[in-house]
Protein backbone atom coordinates (compact mmCIF):
# COMPACT_ATOMS: atom_id res chain seq x y z
CA MET A 1 -14.59 31.13 18.41
CA LYS A 2 -17.64 29.62 20.21
CA ASP A 3 -15.59 28.84 23.19
CA ASN A 4 -13.94 32.23 23.30
CA LYS A 5 -17.40 33.63 23.32
CA LYS A 6 -18.46 31.64 26.02
CA SER A 7 -15.74 32.31 27.84
CA ILE A 8 -16.08 36.00 27.70
CA ALA A 9 -19.87 35.55 28.61
CA LEU A 10 -19.04 34.00 31.55
CA SER A 11 -16.28 36.37 32.40
CA ILE A 12 -19.02 38.74 32.30
CA ILE A 13 -21.28 37.02 34.33
CA VAL A 14 -18.76 36.21 37.02
CA VAL A 15 -17.54 39.74 37.15
CA ALA A 16 -21.27 41.18 37.62
CA LEU A 17 -22.08 39.05 40.24
CA PHE A 18 -18.88 39.86 42.19
CA VAL A 19 -19.99 43.65 41.85
CA VAL A 20 -23.60 42.81 43.18
CA CYS A 21 -22.03 41.02 46.30
CA VAL A 22 -19.30 43.63 46.91
CA ILE A 23 -22.10 46.71 46.81
CA ALA A 24 -24.59 44.05 49.20
CA THR A 25 -21.96 43.92 51.52
CA SER A 26 -21.21 47.43 51.70
CA TYR A 27 -24.47 48.61 52.10
CA ALA A 28 -25.01 45.74 54.67
CA PHE A 29 -22.15 46.89 56.65
CA TYR A 30 -22.95 51.03 56.49
CA SER A 31 -26.41 50.48 57.21
CA SER A 32 -26.30 47.93 60.07
CA THR A 33 -28.72 48.42 62.89
CA THR A 34 -28.47 47.60 66.45
CA LYS A 35 -29.62 43.76 67.20
CA THR A 36 -29.70 41.73 70.12
CA GLU A 37 -28.68 38.07 70.07
CA GLY A 38 -29.21 35.46 72.79
CA LYS A 39 -31.46 35.04 75.83
CA GLY A 40 -29.36 33.51 78.58
CA THR A 41 -27.14 34.97 80.96
CA SER A 42 -26.14 37.94 78.37
CA ALA A 43 -27.11 39.68 75.08
CA ASN A 44 -24.83 40.95 72.93
CA THR A 45 -25.25 43.96 71.05
CA THR A 46 -23.04 45.15 68.07
CA THR A 47 -23.33 47.67 65.45
CA GLN A 48 -20.52 48.86 63.39
CA LYS A 49 -18.99 51.05 66.06
CA ILE A 50 -20.27 49.72 69.44
CA SER A 51 -20.41 46.57 71.37
CA ALA A 52 -22.86 45.90 74.12
CA THR A 53 -22.96 43.31 76.59
CA PHE A 54 -26.12 43.33 78.92
CA THR A 55 -26.22 41.04 82.13
CA ASP A 56 -29.13 38.68 82.09
CA GLY A 57 -30.01 40.02 78.69
CA SER A 58 -31.42 43.61 77.34
CA GLU A 59 -35.13 42.76 78.63
CA LEU A 60 -36.37 43.96 82.13
CA ASN A 61 -39.33 42.05 83.38
CA ILE A 62 -39.98 42.76 86.97
CA ASP A 63 -43.21 41.63 88.32
CA ASN A 64 -44.73 41.03 91.66
CA MET A 65 -43.34 44.10 93.17
CA VAL A 66 -43.45 45.19 96.72
CA PRO A 67 -42.18 48.29 98.32
CA GLY A 68 -38.53 47.95 98.86
CA ASP A 69 -37.73 45.66 96.03
CA THR A 70 -34.38 46.83 93.89
CA PHE A 71 -33.44 45.15 90.64
CA THR A 72 -30.01 45.72 89.15
CA LYS A 73 -28.78 45.39 85.71
CA THR A 74 -25.61 45.82 84.34
CA VAL A 75 -24.22 46.98 80.74
CA THR A 76 -20.85 46.95 79.19
CA LEU A 77 -20.20 49.04 76.26
CA GLN A 78 -16.79 48.97 74.07
CA ASN A 79 -16.18 51.31 71.03
CA THR A 80 -15.23 48.96 68.49
CA GLY A 81 -14.99 51.62 65.61
CA SER A 82 -12.26 54.14 64.47
CA THR A 83 -14.03 57.25 65.79
CA THR A 84 -15.42 58.51 69.26
CA ILE A 85 -19.10 57.89 69.40
CA LYS A 86 -22.04 59.67 70.97
CA TYR A 87 -24.74 57.68 72.36
CA LYS A 88 -27.58 57.17 74.83
CA ILE A 89 -29.17 54.58 76.88
CA SER A 90 -32.74 54.16 76.31
CA ILE A 91 -35.57 51.84 76.92
CA LYS A 92 -38.48 50.66 74.54
CA ASP A 93 -41.32 48.49 74.53
CA VAL A 94 -42.12 49.94 78.02
CA GLU A 95 -44.49 48.38 80.52
CA ASN A 96 -45.58 50.28 83.70
CA ASN A 97 -48.73 49.68 85.28
CA PHE A 98 -48.21 51.50 88.49
CA THR A 99 -50.55 53.75 89.66
CA ASN A 100 -48.33 55.93 91.74
CA GLN A 101 -45.67 56.77 89.30
CA ASP A 102 -43.53 58.55 91.91
CA ASP A 103 -42.81 55.24 93.60
CA ILE A 104 -41.00 53.32 90.95
CA LYS A 105 -37.88 54.84 90.03
CA ILE A 106 -34.78 54.04 87.71
CA SER A 107 -31.14 55.04 87.89
CA VAL A 108 -28.13 54.80 85.46
CA LYS A 109 -24.62 54.81 86.96
CA LYS A 110 -21.23 54.91 85.13
CA GLY A 111 -19.18 53.53 88.02
CA SER A 112 -19.94 55.80 90.86
CA SER A 113 -21.47 59.11 88.75
CA ASP A 114 -24.64 59.24 88.16
CA VAL A 115 -25.49 59.63 84.63
CA THR A 116 -29.51 59.40 84.59
CA GLN A 117 -31.14 61.69 82.08
CA GLY A 118 -31.18 65.52 83.18
CA SER A 119 -28.25 64.99 85.53
CA ALA A 120 -30.75 63.65 88.06
CA THR A 121 -29.64 60.80 90.66
CA GLU A 122 -32.82 58.72 89.58
CA MET A 123 -36.04 59.36 87.38
CA ASN A 124 -39.69 57.77 87.35
CA PHE A 125 -39.65 54.52 85.35
CA PRO A 126 -40.82 55.85 82.33
CA ALA A 127 -44.54 54.75 80.94
CA THR A 128 -43.30 54.78 77.23
CA ALA A 129 -40.02 54.68 75.20
CA ALA A 130 -37.66 57.01 76.72
CA SER A 131 -33.80 57.82 77.09
CA LEU A 132 -32.56 56.98 80.14
CA THR A 133 -29.34 58.99 79.95
CA ASP A 134 -28.50 62.34 78.21
CA GLU A 135 -25.86 62.05 75.37
CA LEU A 136 -22.85 60.20 76.56
CA THR A 137 -19.23 59.70 74.51
CA LEU A 138 -17.15 56.70 74.33
CA ALA A 139 -13.44 57.06 73.01
CA VAL A 140 -12.23 54.63 70.30
CA SER A 141 -11.49 51.50 72.00
CA ALA A 142 -12.51 52.74 75.15
CA THR A 143 -14.70 50.52 77.63
CA ASP A 144 -17.69 51.81 79.95
CA THR A 145 -19.90 49.77 82.64
CA PHE A 146 -23.15 51.05 83.61
CA THR A 147 -25.62 49.82 86.53
CA ILE A 148 -29.18 50.46 85.93
CA THR A 149 -31.05 50.21 89.14
CA ILE A 150 -34.95 49.91 89.66
CA GLU A 151 -36.38 50.62 92.72
CA TYR A 152 -39.96 50.40 94.56
CA LYS A 153 -39.54 53.31 96.60
CA ASN A 154 -40.85 52.23 100.30
CA THR A 155 -42.84 55.50 101.31
CA SER A 156 -44.66 56.05 104.51
CA SER A 157 -47.99 56.55 102.33
CA ASP A 158 -50.38 53.59 101.38
CA GLN A 159 -48.98 51.72 98.72
CA SER A 160 -51.38 49.01 98.57
CA VAL A 161 -52.74 49.88 95.32
CA ASP A 162 -49.54 49.20 93.38
CA ILE A 163 -48.16 45.74 95.39
CA GLY A 164 -47.74 43.05 92.79
CA HIS A 165 -47.45 45.52 89.92
CA LYS A 166 -45.06 45.10 86.98
CA VAL A 167 -42.52 47.40 85.14
CA GLY A 168 -40.66 45.97 82.24
CA GLY A 169 -39.22 47.15 78.86
CA THR A 170 -36.14 46.24 76.67
CA LEU A 171 -32.99 48.17 76.88
CA TYR A 172 -30.87 49.39 73.80
CA ILE A 173 -28.13 51.56 73.03
CA GLU A 174 -28.84 54.48 70.70
CA GLU A 175 -26.29 56.12 68.39
CA VAL A 176 -26.98 59.79 68.31
């Protein structure tokens, strides 16, 4: 009789632990957030529906710029979920110490198509966190590749105040 009570108590504890583990795992899956792993030649970001690979990581850190400098980064997205997703390419942790904001530009292209926010071919590099694209769509199992270009425009005006300045931030995929 005593062994029976121990077996029943042990069974109840095992079942309770199993239920807690299932609930915790389910919660973690459905409340997942985007995270970046690695700092080498690529950073892989994964949520429950989208996988992103950033060439040379998701961070932008461009300093000592001179007029005419261009910097390019590639990001490849794949929909790993079972439904079409909507997203934006965004930037956070922004650093932009340019005085002439119109001289530093950023653009986003999907293949040869401009997808920069507001259907523009380029926009000023933001001074704070911002979306770089309007809402985009990625079908189930589809893969899209984007080229993000930052350019310090060479103008006919005096640009000496900004020579050697810096822009930077962290690119991320914002599901909407």
